[in-house]
């Protein structure tokens, strides 16, 4: 999976970067219309920084994975490609 650094505008409620609202990838702005899934990994040791993941759907109907690195306060994104299905 290829990840690209992105700028993310996130809602910050009880913690910073609580959920992404919109992001800019390769100069194109994407509005997040829904969070499909979210999870995290790491954070159990200093060598293993906590990463927050969000599978989001954009206004164009595309799905992306957004990853937030809490140690470096950086976001990255990767587009989710859905397999093509053949119908009769």
C-alpha atoms as a PDB file:
ATOM      1  CA  UNK A   1       0.000   0.000   0.000  1.00  0.00           C
ATOM      2  CA  UNK A   2       1.366   3.402  -0.980  1.00  0.00           C
ATOM      3  CA  UNK A   3       1.034   6.198   1.563  1.00  0.00           C
ATOM      4  CA  UNK A   4       1.301   9.925   0.798  1.00  0.00           C
ATOM      5  CA  UNK A   5       1.616  12.753   3.310  1.00  0.00           C
ATOM      6  CA  UNK A   6      -1.552  14.841   3.429  1.00  0.00           C
ATOM      7  CA  UNK A   7      -2.927  17.895   5.169  1.00  0.00           C
ATOM      8  CA  UNK A   8      -5.988  17.054   7.237  1.00  0.00           C
ATOM      9  CA  UNK A   9      -8.540  19.286   8.876  1.00  0.00           C
ATOM     10  CA  UNK A  10      -9.860  17.318  11.814  1.00  0.00           C
ATOM     11  CA  UNK A  11     -12.530  17.805  14.442  1.00  0.00           C
ATOM     12  CA  UNK A  12     -10.915  18.203  17.841  1.00  0.00           C
ATOM     13  CA  UNK A  13     -13.285  17.515  20.701  1.00  0.00           C
ATOM     14  CA  UNK A  14     -11.960  15.894  23.840  1.00  0.00           C
ATOM     15  CA  UNK A  15      -8.640  15.214  22.054  1.00  0.00           C
ATOM     16  CA  UNK A  16      -6.710  16.662  19.113  1.00  0.00           C
ATOM     17  CA  UNK A  17      -7.382  15.136  15.706  1.00  0.00           C
ATOM     18  CA  UNK A  18     -10.414  13.246  16.956  1.00  0.00           C
ATOM     19  CA  UNK A  19     -11.810  12.587  13.480  1.00  0.00           C
ATOM     20  CA  UNK A  20     -10.942  13.813   9.977  1.00  0.00           C
ATOM     21  CA  UNK A  21     -13.322  16.232   8.259  1.00  0.00           C
ATOM     22  CA  UNK A  22     -11.452  16.933   5.005  1.00  0.00           C
ATOM     23  CA  UNK A  23      -8.001  16.411   3.533  1.00  0.00           C
ATOM     24  CA  UNK A  24      -5.799  17.590   0.671  1.00  0.00           C
ATOM     25  CA  UNK A  25      -4.050  14.916  -1.401  1.00  0.00           C
ATOM     26  CA  UNK A  26      -1.899  15.849  -4.415  1.00  0.00           C
ATOM     27  CA  UNK A  27      -3.428  19.334  -4.435  1.00  0.00           C
ATOM     28  CA  UNK A  28      -6.998  18.023  -4.499  1.00  0.00           C
ATOM     29  CA  UNK A  29      -9.365  18.680  -1.599  1.00  0.00           C
ATOM     30  CA  UNK A  30     -11.540  15.781  -0.407  1.00  0.00           C
ATOM     31  CA  UNK A  31     -14.548  16.243   1.864  1.00  0.00           C
ATOM     32  CA  UNK A  32     -15.118  13.343   4.274  1.00  0.00           C
ATOM     33  CA  UNK A  33     -18.798  12.377   4.289  1.00  0.00           C
ATOM     34  CA  UNK A  34     -18.477   9.355   6.541  1.00  0.00           C
ATOM     35  CA  UNK A  35     -16.150   7.221   8.593  1.00  0.00           C
ATOM     36  CA  UNK A  36     -16.566   3.616   7.495  1.00  0.00           C
ATOM     37  CA  UNK A  37     -14.189   2.138  10.090  1.00  0.00           C
ATOM     38  CA  UNK A  38     -11.519   3.184  12.559  1.00  0.00           C
ATOM     39  CA  UNK A  39      -8.841   1.404  14.550  1.00  0.00           C
ATOM     40  CA  UNK A  40      -5.404   1.935  16.036  1.00  0.00           C
ATOM     41  CA  UNK A  41      -2.183   0.036  16.462  1.00  0.00           C
ATOM     42  CA  UNK A  42       0.979   0.432  18.500  1.00  0.00           C
ATOM     43  CA  UNK A  43       1.537   2.746  21.403  1.00  0.00           C
ATOM     44  CA  UNK A  44       2.719   0.040  23.785  1.00  0.00           C
ATOM     45  CA  UNK A  45       6.382   1.039  23.749  1.00  0.00           C
ATOM     46  CA  UNK A  46       8.459   4.102  22.773  1.00  0.00           C
ATOM     47  CA  UNK A  47       9.732   2.237  19.693  1.00  0.00           C
ATOM     48  CA  UNK A  48       6.150   1.543  18.624  1.00  0.00           C
ATOM     49  CA  UNK A  49       4.297   4.879  18.144  1.00  0.00           C
ATOM     50  CA  UNK A  50       0.513   4.912  18.220  1.00  0.00           C
ATOM     51  CA  UNK A  51      -1.087   5.098  14.777  1.00  0.00           C
ATOM     52  CA  UNK A  52      -4.787   5.940  14.375  1.00  0.00           C
ATOM     53  CA  UNK A  53      -6.427   4.645  11.192  1.00  0.00           C
ATOM     54  CA  UNK A  54      -9.657   5.847   9.590  1.00  0.00           C
ATOM     55  CA  UNK A  55     -11.347   4.337   6.562  1.00  0.00           C
ATOM     56  CA  UNK A  56     -13.319   7.260   5.166  1.00  0.00           C
ATOM     57  CA  UNK A  57     -15.736   7.864   2.316  1.00  0.00           C
ATOM     58  CA  UNK A  58     -15.466  11.137   0.437  1.00  0.00           C
ATOM     59  CA  UNK A  59     -18.126  13.250  -1.265  1.00  0.00           C
ATOM     60  CA  UNK A  60     -17.035  11.766  -4.616  1.00  0.00           C
ATOM     61  CA  UNK A  61     -17.831   8.264  -3.305  1.00  0.00           C
ATOM     62  CA  UNK A  62     -14.181   7.156  -3.105  1.00  0.00           C
ATOM     63  CA  UNK A  63     -12.781   5.404  -0.045  1.00  0.00           C
ATOM     64  CA  UNK A  64      -9.424   6.288   1.523  1.00  0.00           C
ATOM     65  CA  UNK A  65      -7.413   5.131   4.485  1.00  0.00           C
ATOM     66  CA  UNK A  66      -6.138   7.994   6.605  1.00  0.00           C
ATOM     67  CA  UNK A  67      -3.375   7.309   9.120  1.00  0.00           C
ATOM     68  CA  UNK A  68      -2.465   9.669  11.966  1.00  0.00           C
ATOM     69  CA  UNK A  69       0.953   9.300  13.604  1.00  0.00           C
ATOM     70  CA  UNK A  70       0.508  10.716  17.089  1.00  0.00           C
ATOM     71  CA  UNK A  71       4.255  10.884  17.790  1.00  0.00           C
ATOM     72  CA  UNK A  72       5.042  13.143  14.827  1.00  0.00           C
ATOM     73  CA  UNK A  73       1.575  14.737  14.479  1.00  0.00           C
ATOM     74  CA  UNK A  74       1.445  13.787  10.784  1.00  0.00           C
ATOM     75  CA  UNK A  75      -1.250  12.382   8.525  1.00  0.00           C
ATOM     76  CA  UNK A  76      -0.901  10.156   5.472  1.00  0.00           C
ATOM     77  CA  UNK A  77      -3.442   8.723   3.042  1.00  0.00           C
ATOM     78  CA  UNK A  78      -3.887   5.829   0.659  1.00  0.00           C
ATOM     79  CA  UNK A  79      -6.769   5.293  -1.721  1.00  0.00           C
ATOM     80  CA  UNK A  80      -8.760   2.096  -1.291  1.00  0.00           C
ATOM     81  CA  UNK A  81      -9.238   0.329  -4.593  1.00  0.00           C
ATOM     82  CA  UNK A  82     -12.297  -1.884  -4.727  1.00  0.00           C
ATOM     83  CA  UNK A  83     -12.080  -5.012  -6.844  1.00  0.00           C
ATOM     84  CA  UNK A  84     -14.060  -4.917 -10.070  1.00  0.00           C
ATOM     85  CA  UNK A  85     -16.851  -7.477 -10.151  1.00  0.00           C
ATOM     86  CA  UNK A  86     -18.299  -8.930 -13.305  1.00  0.00           C
ATOM     87  CA  UNK A  87     -22.064  -9.103 -13.675  1.00  0.00           C
ATOM     88  CA  UNK A  88     -24.098 -10.926 -16.300  1.00  0.00           C
END
